Amino acid sequence: MLNFELSDDQKQWRDKARDFARTAILPVAWHYDHKDETPMQILDAAYQAGLVNTDIPKAYGGLGLGLLESVLLTEELAAACAGLATSIFDNSLGMEPLILCDNEGLKQRIFPEMLDQGKRICFATSEPTMGSDVAGMRCLATPDGEDYLLNGTKYWITNGGIADYASVFATIDPKSRHEGICAFVVPLDQPGVTRGRPIPKLGQRCSNTVGLHFKDVRVPKENLLAEPGKGFVLAMKTFARTRPTIGAFGVGAARTAMELALDYLNKRRTFGMPLSGYQALQFKIAEMYQKIETSRLLCWKAAWEADRGQDPTIDASISKFYATEAALEVVDEALQICGGYGYTQMFPVEKLWRDTRLLRIYEGTSEIQRIIVAGHLLNNYTPVMPSLEDLPVHLERDPADLAPGEQAWRCRICGHVHYGSEAPDECPYCFFPQSAFKAVTA
């Protein structure tokens, strides 16, 4: 039986995040966006409030909350500022490979530091010339005794300038693609690690984004997340679990945009009546709400699958590309409703538009998600209905009236159905020979 009712505990977490978003994030979001700066005090406050590291398993001293709780928290935080929500969420992305890996010693060492000391960990797969093509990475991990030496650059790294650790994916041989990829937890305060300047961005300017350069950085074997050949799978498993949360960023930002548009519709008057009285604008807000509700359910479903131990890959991709694209549509309509004011920096919607535009790009572009879903449909999907050539479209006869010995024959080219003991010599419609016909059940 399906049940969409949140538990009391889940509601309390949602309300806690909502209160933090309104009281801590909302008052400073536009100021730090304008400064293009990450307010570290807000990240520290989120940690102190218990809104970070909620998914560290109980076995290591954490709360062990599920992905559904993460989706709930993220929607509320992103409703105030998607950029700050991204930097707050980034610990979950960075430590997901650690949760999924088999290195118990590393878990026992790193998780307590994150829980007790507020240490931060970021996620590093992308490179200056590699984003969607994860297997095309060039950052080199060279075996050196029991250790590895890292050389190369990672780019677009959220929190790379402020994190203590990074989950770094590298390769022992760029030519081997998937088969060469491995992964490590790398302390970022050691010699050979250089953090780049914050990358100037269109939106999400409250979120720190930098490049990381490694020059002969020694990584001990005990920091191994995935040995060569297993890193690519670990990265894909990580994305399958974090993409529903990216969808939740879209849900939160879109929800705020809709609420602001509603407020404007109710207060702005033209031609002697409020904007809310115009049916064309009523249609807009109805569609905005429909997209938000649909997006939320898709994110919840993917998160629910992951929490049940099912493979969430396909639904994670669907939730990610639907919710992020719907969010941009909603925010764009909200800006349109607010007219010229919506286009100014004095109104909040232009920031929502800039922040939301990124969601279609990071953690796998919308195009990559479509490739994943299309691959599932073409290779793994099991149809319910018969194939075209096995589906007789009975136009001339009721199949119940067929005489004994009569058979339906379907032309596999044009679909014509012939009745008789054998197929015709030639199709009367497309003129293909008898071999084009296939006997089908009535």
Protein backbone atom coordinates (compact mmCIF):
# COMPACT_ATOMS: atom_id res chain seq x y z
CA MET A 1 0.00 0.00 0.00
CA LEU A 2 1.38 3.42 -0.92
CA ASN A 3 1.68 6.00 1.84
CA PHE A 4 2.80 9.57 1.22
CA GLU A 5 2.45 10.65 4.85
CA LEU A 6 5.69 11.82 6.45
CA SER A 7 6.50 10.49 9.91
CA ASP A 8 6.45 12.85 12.88
CA ASP A 9 10.24 12.69 12.98
CA GLN A 10 10.52 13.61 9.31
CA LYS A 11 8.15 16.54 9.80
CA GLN A 12 10.27 17.76 12.70
CA TRP A 13 13.42 17.65 10.55
CA ARG A 14 11.63 19.49 7.75
CA ASP A 15 10.37 22.17 10.12
CA LYS A 16 13.81 22.54 11.71
CA ALA A 17 15.40 23.10 8.29
CA ARG A 18 12.60 25.49 7.33
CA ASP A 19 13.15 27.57 10.45
CA PHE A 20 16.92 27.66 9.86
CA ALA A 21 16.38 28.70 6.25
CA ARG A 22 14.12 31.60 7.21
CA THR A 23 16.04 32.88 10.23
CA ALA A 24 19.68 32.18 9.33
CA ILE A 25 19.97 31.94 5.53
CA LEU A 26 17.30 34.27 4.16
CA PRO A 27 18.51 37.49 5.84
CA VAL A 28 22.05 37.21 4.42
CA ALA A 29 21.60 35.38 1.11
CA TRP A 30 21.38 38.40 -1.20
CA HIS A 31 24.22 40.23 0.55
CA TYR A 32 26.70 37.40 0.13
CA ASP A 33 25.47 36.66 -3.37
CA HIS A 34 26.25 40.29 -4.22
CA LYS A 35 29.71 39.94 -2.62
CA ASP A 36 30.28 36.60 -4.40
CA GLU A 37 31.34 35.10 -1.09
CA THR A 38 30.50 32.05 1.01
CA PRO A 39 29.40 33.06 4.52
CA MET A 40 31.29 30.55 6.63
CA GLN A 41 29.31 31.47 9.72
CA ILE A 42 26.18 30.07 8.08
CA LEU A 43 27.89 26.77 7.25
CA ASP A 44 29.13 26.59 10.85
CA ALA A 45 25.66 27.39 12.14
CA ALA A 46 24.14 24.63 9.99
CA TYR A 47 26.65 22.20 11.51
CA GLN A 48 25.86 23.39 15.04
CA ALA A 49 22.14 23.05 14.30
CA GLY A 50 22.63 19.40 13.30
CA LEU A 51 21.64 19.94 9.68
CA VAL A 52 24.95 18.60 8.32
CA ASN A 53 26.18 14.98 8.34
CA THR A 54 22.73 13.61 9.11
CA ASP A 55 23.36 10.62 6.84
CA ILE A 56 26.46 9.29 8.62
CA PRO A 57 25.48 5.73 9.66
CA LYS A 58 24.65 5.00 13.28
CA ALA A 59 27.47 2.44 13.40
CA TYR A 60 29.93 5.34 13.25
CA GLY A 61 28.13 7.60 15.70
CA GLY A 62 25.86 9.36 13.20
CA LEU A 63 22.10 9.74 13.02
CA GLY A 64 21.78 7.41 10.05
CA LEU A 65 18.99 9.41 8.44
CA GLY A 66 17.91 8.33 4.98
CA LEU A 67 17.97 9.98 1.60
CA LEU A 68 14.34 11.01 1.96
CA GLU A 69 15.24 13.10 4.99
CA SER A 70 18.08 14.64 2.99
CA VAL A 71 15.63 15.57 0.24
CA LEU A 72 13.28 17.15 2.78
CA LEU A 73 16.08 19.20 4.37
CA THR A 74 17.48 20.30 1.03
CA GLU A 75 14.15 21.57 -0.30
CA GLU A 76 13.77 23.83 2.72
CA LEU A 77 17.34 25.17 2.64
CA ALA A 78 17.25 25.75 -1.12
CA ALA A 79 14.00 27.66 -0.74
CA ALA A 80 16.06 30.38 0.97
CA CYS A 81 19.26 30.12 -1.11
CA ALA A 82 20.21 27.35 -3.50
CA GLY A 83 23.87 28.40 -3.34
CA LEU A 84 24.19 28.11 0.42
CA ALA A 85 22.13 24.92 0.34
CA THR A 86 24.65 23.49 -2.13
CA SER A 87 27.58 24.16 0.18
CA ILE A 88 25.68 22.79 3.18
CA PHE A 89 24.71 19.66 1.25
CA ASP A 90 28.21 19.15 -0.13
CA ASN A 91 29.37 17.14 2.89
CA SER A 92 26.78 14.52 1.99
CA LEU A 93 28.05 14.38 -1.58
CA GLY A 94 31.67 14.23 -0.50
CA MET A 95 31.16 11.49 2.04
CA GLU A 96 28.78 9.34 -0.02
CA PRO A 97 31.72 7.40 -1.58
CA LEU A 98 33.01 6.83 1.95
CA ILE A 99 29.63 5.49 3.07
CA LEU A 100 29.49 3.17 0.05
CA CYS A 101 33.09 1.92 0.15
CA ASP A 102 34.44 -1.13 2.01
CA ASN A 103 37.29 0.64 3.82
CA GLU A 104 36.17 0.29 7.44
CA GLY A 105 39.35 1.77 8.87
CA LEU A 106 38.89 4.94 6.85
CA LYS A 107 35.28 5.24 7.98
CA GLN A 108 36.27 4.82 11.61
CA ARG A 109 38.86 7.58 11.22
CA ILE A 110 37.03 10.20 9.09
CA PHE A 111 33.42 10.07 10.27
CA PRO A 112 34.21 11.03 13.90
CA GLU A 113 36.17 14.05 12.65
CA MET A 114 33.18 15.19 10.66
CA LEU A 115 30.77 14.62 13.53
CA ASP A 116 32.84 15.95 16.43
CA GLN A 117 35.11 18.52 14.80
CA GLY A 118 32.96 19.80 11.94
CA LYS A 119 35.47 18.73 9.29
CA ARG A 120 34.31 19.19 5.69
CA ILE A 121 34.73 16.88 2.72
CA CYS A 122 34.15 17.72 -0.95
CA PHE A 123 33.68 15.58 -4.06
CA ALA A 124 36.16 15.74 -6.95
CA THR A 125 35.53 14.00 -10.25
CA SER A 126 35.29 16.81 -12.85
CA GLU A 127 38.34 18.29 -14.55
CA PRO A 128 38.96 21.32 -16.78
CA THR A 129 38.48 19.19 -19.92
CA MET A 130 36.20 16.50 -18.47
CA GLY A 131 32.74 16.81 -16.97
CA SER A 132 30.05 14.45 -18.22
CA ASP A 133 32.59 11.93 -19.55
CA VAL A 134 33.76 10.64 -16.17
CA ALA A 135 35.77 7.86 -17.81
CA GLY A 136 37.78 10.50 -19.68
CA MET A 137 39.53 11.87 -16.59
CA ARG A 138 43.27 12.52 -16.78
CA CYS A 139 44.21 13.19 -13.14
CA LEU A 140 46.87 10.54 -12.64
CA ALA A 141 47.28 8.21 -9.64
CA THR A 142 50.67 6.50 -9.96
CA PRO A 143 51.34 3.49 -7.67
CA ASP A 144 54.42 4.12 -5.54
CA GLY A 145 55.09 1.26 -3.16
CA GLU A 146 52.10 1.01 -0.84
CA ASP A 147 51.04 4.56 -1.73
CA TYR A 148 49.85 6.52 -4.76
CA LEU A 149 51.15 9.80 -6.12
CA LEU A 150 48.44 12.17 -7.41
CA ASN A 151 49.18 14.57 -10.26
CA GLY A 152 46.59 16.62 -12.10
CA THR A 153 43.73 19.08 -11.68
CA LYS A 154 40.16 18.76 -10.55
CA TYR A 155 37.72 21.55 -11.44
CA TRP A 156 34.26 22.82 -10.52
CA ILE A 157 34.81 21.51 -7.00
CA THR A 158 32.10 22.73 -4.62
CA ASN A 159 33.63 23.66 -1.24
CA GLY A 160 37.08 22.82 -2.61
CA GLY A 161 38.43 26.05 -1.16
CA ILE A 162 37.07 25.45 2.34
CA ALA A 163 36.97 21.66 2.80
CA ASP A 164 39.42 19.63 4.87
CA TYR A 165 39.20 16.52 2.70
CA ALA A 166 38.25 15.59 -0.84
CA SER A 167 36.95 12.35 -2.28
CA VAL A 168 39.18 12.37 -5.34
CA PHE A 169 38.63 10.16 -8.38
CA ALA A 170 41.71 9.60 -10.54
CA THR A 171 43.09 7.07 -13.02
CA ILE A 172 46.19 4.93 -13.20
CA ASP A 173 46.04 5.12 -17.01
CA PRO A 174 43.90 7.60 -18.98
CA LYS A 175 43.83 5.25 -21.98
CA SER A 176 42.13 2.51 -19.96
CA ARG A 177 39.13 4.75 -19.22
CA HIS A 178 36.67 2.98 -16.86
CA GLU A 179 39.12 0.22 -16.01
CA GLY A 180 41.75 2.60 -14.65
CA ILE A 181 39.66 4.75 -12.31
CA CYS A 182 40.28 4.62 -8.58
CA ALA A 183 39.31 6.89 -5.66
CA PHE A 184 40.85 8.23 -2.45
CA VAL A 185 40.14 10.45 0.51
CA VAL A 186 42.78 13.17 0.23
CA PRO A 187 43.57 15.67 3.03
CA LEU A 188 43.72 19.09 1.40
CA ASP A 189 46.19 20.67 3.84
CA GLN A 190 49.21 18.61 2.76
CA PRO A 191 52.13 19.65 0.54
CA GLY A 192 51.46 19.51 -3.18
CA VAL A 193 47.78 20.52 -2.95
CA THR A 194 46.93 23.93 -4.40
CA ARG A 195 43.46 25.43 -4.14
CA GLY A 196 42.46 27.70 -7.00
CA ARG A 197 40.75 31.05 -6.77
CA PRO A 198 36.93 30.96 -6.42
CA ILE A 199 35.48 30.61 -9.92
CA PRO A 200 33.29 33.62 -10.91
CA LYS A 201 29.81 32.27 -11.66
CA LEU A 202 26.46 33.49 -12.96
CA GLY A 203 24.61 32.13 -9.94
CA GLN A 204 25.06 30.16 -6.71
CA ARG A 205 27.61 32.79 -5.77
CA CYS A 206 27.20 31.94 -2.07
CA SER A 207 28.67 28.51 -2.80
CA ASN A 208 32.44 28.10 -2.95
CA THR A 209 33.63 26.59 -6.26
CA VAL A 210 37.33 26.18 -7.11
CA GLY A 211 39.87 24.04 -8.90
CA LEU A 212 42.20 21.69 -6.99
CA HIS A 213 45.69 21.01 -8.31
CA PHE A 214 47.75 18.03 -7.17
CA LYS A 215 51.51 17.82 -7.67
CA ASP A 216 53.16 14.63 -6.38
CA VAL A 217 50.62 14.39 -3.57
CA ARG A 218 51.25 11.20 -1.63
CA VAL A 219 48.10 9.27 -0.71
CA PRO A 220 48.55 6.24 1.56
CA LYS A 221 46.85 2.97 0.74
CA GLU A 222 44.68 3.23 3.86
CA ASN A 223 42.94 6.22 2.24
CA LEU A 224 41.76 4.14 -0.71
CA LEU A 225 38.03 4.35 -1.45
CA ALA A 226 38.10 2.21 -4.59
CA GLU A 227 40.99 0.35 -6.15
CA PRO A 228 41.73 0.76 -9.87
CA GLY A 229 38.86 -0.56 -11.96
CA LYS A 230 36.24 0.02 -9.25
CA GLY A 231 36.27 3.81 -9.03
CA PHE A 232 33.92 4.42 -11.94
CA VAL A 233 31.21 2.20 -10.45
CA LEU A 234 31.61 3.95 -7.10
CA ALA A 235 31.17 7.35 -8.76
CA MET A 236 28.01 6.18 -10.56
CA LYS A 237 26.57 4.70 -7.35
CA THR A 238 27.26 8.00 -5.63
CA PHE A 239 25.43 10.00 -8.30
CA ALA A 240 22.47 7.61 -8.20
CA ARG A 241 22.04 8.43 -4.52
CA THR A 242 22.67 12.19 -4.70
CA ARG A 243 20.76 13.18 -7.83
CA PRO A 244 17.33 13.15 -6.13
CA THR A 245 18.72 15.78 -3.76
CA ILE A 246 19.70 17.95 -6.72
CA GLY A 247 16.09 17.70 -7.83
CA ALA A 248 15.10 18.88 -4.36
CA PHE A 249 17.19 22.03 -4.85
CA GLY A 250 14.92 22.77 -7.80
CA VAL A 251 11.77 22.05 -5.81
CA GLY A 252 12.77 24.47 -3.06
CA ALA A 253 13.80 27.30 -5.37
CA ALA A 254 10.71 26.86 -7.55
CA ARG A 255 8.43 26.83 -4.53
CA THR A 256 9.81 30.17 -3.36
CA ALA A 257 9.50 31.65 -6.85
CA MET A 258 5.86 30.56 -7.01
CA GLU A 259 5.13 32.04 -3.57
CA LEU A 260 6.70 35.37 -4.55
CA ALA A 261 4.73 35.40 -7.79
CA LEU A 262 1.52 34.71 -5.87
CA ASP A 263 2.24 37.59 -3.52
CA TYR A 264 2.87 39.91 -6.46
CA LEU A 265 -0.30 38.76 -8.24
CA ASN A 266 -2.42 39.50 -5.20
CA LYS A 267 -0.98 42.96 -4.54
CA ARG A 268 -0.29 44.41 -7.97
CA ARG A 269 -3.27 46.08 -9.68
CA THR A 270 -3.66 46.91 -13.37
CA PHE A 271 -6.68 48.27 -15.25
CA GLY A 272 -8.60 48.52 -12.00
CA MET A 273 -8.16 44.92 -10.80
CA PRO A 274 -5.48 42.73 -9.16
CA LEU A 275 -3.28 40.68 -11.47
CA SER A 276 -4.67 37.56 -9.82
CA GLY A 277 -7.98 38.25 -11.54
CA TYR A 278 -6.57 37.56 -14.99
CA GLN A 279 -7.18 34.02 -16.19
CA ALA A 280 -3.95 33.92 -18.21
CA LEU A 281 -1.96 34.49 -15.02
CA GLN A 282 -4.09 32.02 -13.08
CA PHE A 283 -3.13 29.41 -15.66
CA LYS A 284 0.54 30.26 -15.13
CA ILE A 285 0.49 29.79 -11.37
CA ALA A 286 -1.57 26.59 -11.68
CA GLU A 287 1.06 25.12 -13.98
CA MET A 288 3.83 26.31 -11.67
CA TYR A 289 2.24 24.50 -8.74
CA GLN A 290 1.64 21.38 -10.82
CA LYS A 291 5.33 21.22 -11.78
CA ILE A 292 6.47 21.71 -8.18
CA GLU A 293 4.19 18.99 -6.83
CA THR A 294 5.18 16.56 -9.59
CA SER A 295 8.87 17.26 -9.05
CA ARG A 296 8.64 16.69 -5.33
CA LEU A 297 6.93 13.32 -5.76
CA LEU A 298 9.59 12.18 -8.25
CA CYS A 299 12.37 13.14 -5.83
CA TRP A 300 10.61 11.39 -2.97
CA LYS A 301 10.17 8.22 -5.01
CA ALA A 302 13.84 8.03 -5.99
CA ALA A 303 14.92 8.71 -2.41
CA TRP A 304 12.48 6.08 -1.11
CA GLU A 305 13.94 3.50 -3.49
CA ALA A 306 17.46 4.25 -2.31
CA ASP A 307 16.46 4.02 1.35
CA ARG A 308 14.88 0.60 0.69
CA GLY A 309 18.13 -0.67 -0.80
CA GLN A 310 16.79 -0.72 -4.36
CA ASP A 311 18.77 0.59 -7.33
CA PRO A 312 17.53 4.19 -7.73
CA THR A 313 19.56 4.98 -10.86
CA ILE A 314 16.71 5.45 -13.34
CA ASP A 315 14.31 7.27 -11.03
CA ALA A 316 17.20 9.37 -9.73
CA SER A 317 17.92 10.52 -13.28
CA ILE A 318 14.24 11.17 -14.00
CA SER A 319 13.80 13.18 -10.80
CA LYS A 320 16.97 15.13 -11.46
CA PHE A 321 16.26 16.23 -15.00
CA TYR A 322 12.53 16.73 -14.56
CA ALA A 323 12.72 18.70 -11.31
CA THR A 324 15.62 20.92 -12.37
CA GLU A 325 14.11 21.75 -15.75
CA ALA A 326 10.69 22.35 -14.20
CA ALA A 327 12.30 24.62 -11.61
CA LEU A 328 13.85 26.85 -14.24
CA GLU A 329 10.50 27.05 -16.06
CA VAL A 330 8.72 28.01 -12.82
CA VAL A 331 11.29 30.64 -11.86
CA ASP A 332 11.27 32.08 -15.37
CA GLU A 333 7.47 32.42 -15.26
CA ALA A 334 7.70 34.05 -11.83
CA LEU A 335 10.11 36.61 -13.27
CA GLN A 336 7.71 37.20 -16.16
CA ILE A 337 4.82 37.76 -13.76
CA CYS A 338 6.85 40.33 -11.83
CA GLY A 339 7.63 42.12 -15.09
CA GLY A 340 10.36 44.75 -15.07
CA TYR A 341 10.68 44.55 -11.31
CA GLY A 342 11.47 40.83 -11.58
CA TYR A 343 14.41 41.69 -13.80
CA THR A 344 16.00 43.99 -11.24
CA GLN A 345 18.36 43.06 -8.43
CA MET A 346 16.06 44.80 -5.94
CA PHE A 347 13.53 42.01 -6.42
CA PRO A 348 14.48 38.45 -5.35
CA VAL A 349 13.45 36.52 -8.46
CA GLU A 350 16.51 37.29 -10.63
CA LYS A 351 18.77 35.58 -8.06
CA LEU A 352 16.49 32.56 -8.02
CA TRP A 353 16.78 32.41 -11.81
CA ARG A 354 20.58 32.61 -11.70
CA ASP A 355 20.86 30.00 -8.95
CA THR A 356 18.40 27.60 -10.58
CA ARG A 357 20.07 27.69 -13.98
CA LEU A 358 23.01 25.66 -12.66
CA LEU A 359 20.86 22.72 -11.59
CA ARG A 360 20.52 21.46 -15.16
CA ILE A 361 24.31 21.20 -15.39
CA TYR A 362 25.99 19.86 -12.27
CA GLU A 363 25.94 16.22 -11.12
CA GLY A 364 25.16 15.14 -14.66
CA THR A 365 23.59 17.44 -17.23
CA SER A 366 19.99 17.03 -18.35
CA GLU A 367 21.34 15.52 -21.55
CA ILE A 368 23.28 12.86 -19.62
CA GLN A 369 20.16 11.98 -17.62
CA ARG A 370 18.25 11.48 -20.86
CA ILE A 371 21.00 9.19 -22.14
CA ILE A 372 20.75 7.12 -18.94
CA VAL A 373 16.96 6.84 -19.17
CA ALA A 374 17.04 6.11 -22.91
CA GLY A 375 19.65 3.40 -22.33
CA HIS A 376 17.36 1.78 -19.77
CA LEU A 377 14.42 1.87 -22.16
CA LEU A 378 16.39 0.48 -25.09
CA ASN A 379 18.23 -2.25 -23.20
CA ASN A 380 16.46 -3.18 -19.97
CA TYR A 381 12.82 -2.08 -20.09
CA THR A 382 10.31 -4.93 -20.27
CA PRO A 383 7.20 -3.98 -22.31
CA VAL A 384 3.77 -4.98 -21.11
CA MET A 385 2.13 -5.05 -24.52
CA PRO A 386 3.10 -7.33 -27.44
CA SER A 387 5.49 -6.06 -30.09
CA LEU A 388 4.12 -4.38 -33.22
CA GLU A 389 4.43 -7.52 -35.34
CA ASP A 390 2.61 -9.60 -32.70
CA LEU A 391 -0.27 -7.16 -32.25
CA PRO A 392 -3.08 -7.80 -34.76
CA VAL A 393 -5.19 -4.73 -35.32
CA HIS A 394 -8.49 -6.38 -36.21
CA LEU A 395 -10.39 -4.00 -38.47
CA GLU A 396 -12.24 -6.37 -40.79
CA ARG A 397 -13.03 -9.32 -38.51
CA ASP A 398 -13.84 -9.99 -34.89
CA PRO A 399 -11.22 -12.55 -33.81
CA ALA A 400 -13.95 -14.46 -31.97
CA ASP A 401 -15.63 -15.15 -35.32
CA LEU A 402 -12.63 -16.88 -36.93
CA ALA A 403 -13.51 -20.31 -38.28
CA PRO A 404 -11.52 -23.42 -37.30
CA GLY A 405 -8.28 -23.46 -39.25
CA GLU A 406 -8.35 -19.72 -39.93
CA GLN A 407 -5.37 -17.70 -38.82
CA ALA A 408 -4.57 -13.99 -38.55
CA TRP A 409 -1.46 -12.96 -40.46
CA ARG A 410 0.08 -9.54 -39.87
CA CYS A 411 2.28 -7.83 -42.43
CA ARG A 412 5.40 -6.80 -40.53
CA ILE A 413 5.92 -3.86 -42.89
CA CYS A 414 2.61 -1.99 -43.08
CA GLY A 415 0.49 -3.79 -40.43
CA HIS A 416 -2.24 -5.21 -42.73
CA VAL A 417 -3.97 -8.22 -41.17
CA HIS A 418 -4.93 -11.05 -43.49
CA TYR A 419 -7.24 -13.93 -42.51
CA GLY A 420 -6.90 -17.43 -43.88
CA SER A 421 -5.12 -20.72 -43.56
CA GLU A 422 -1.94 -19.15 -44.91
CA ALA A 423 -0.52 -15.72 -45.66
CA PRO A 424 -1.21 -14.12 -49.06
CA ASP A 425 1.40 -14.26 -51.80
CA GLU A 426 1.66 -10.51 -51.64
CA CYS A 427 0.47 -7.74 -49.35
CA PRO A 428 -2.33 -5.78 -51.09
CA TYR A 429 -1.16 -2.53 -49.47
CA CYS A 430 2.64 -2.42 -49.46
CA PHE A 431 3.25 -5.26 -52.00
CA PHE A 432 5.83 -7.03 -49.85
CA PRO A 433 5.97 -10.81 -50.44
CA GLN A 434 4.47 -13.57 -48.29
CA SER A 435 7.66 -13.73 -46.20
CA ALA A 436 6.75 -10.33 -44.72
CA PHE A 437 3.73 -11.85 -42.93
CA LYS A 438 3.77 -13.34 -39.48
CA ALA A 439 1.13 -15.56 -37.89
CA VAL A 440 -0.26 -13.94 -34.78
CA THR A 441 -2.61 -15.09 -32.09
CA ALA A 442 -6.12 -13.78 -32.16
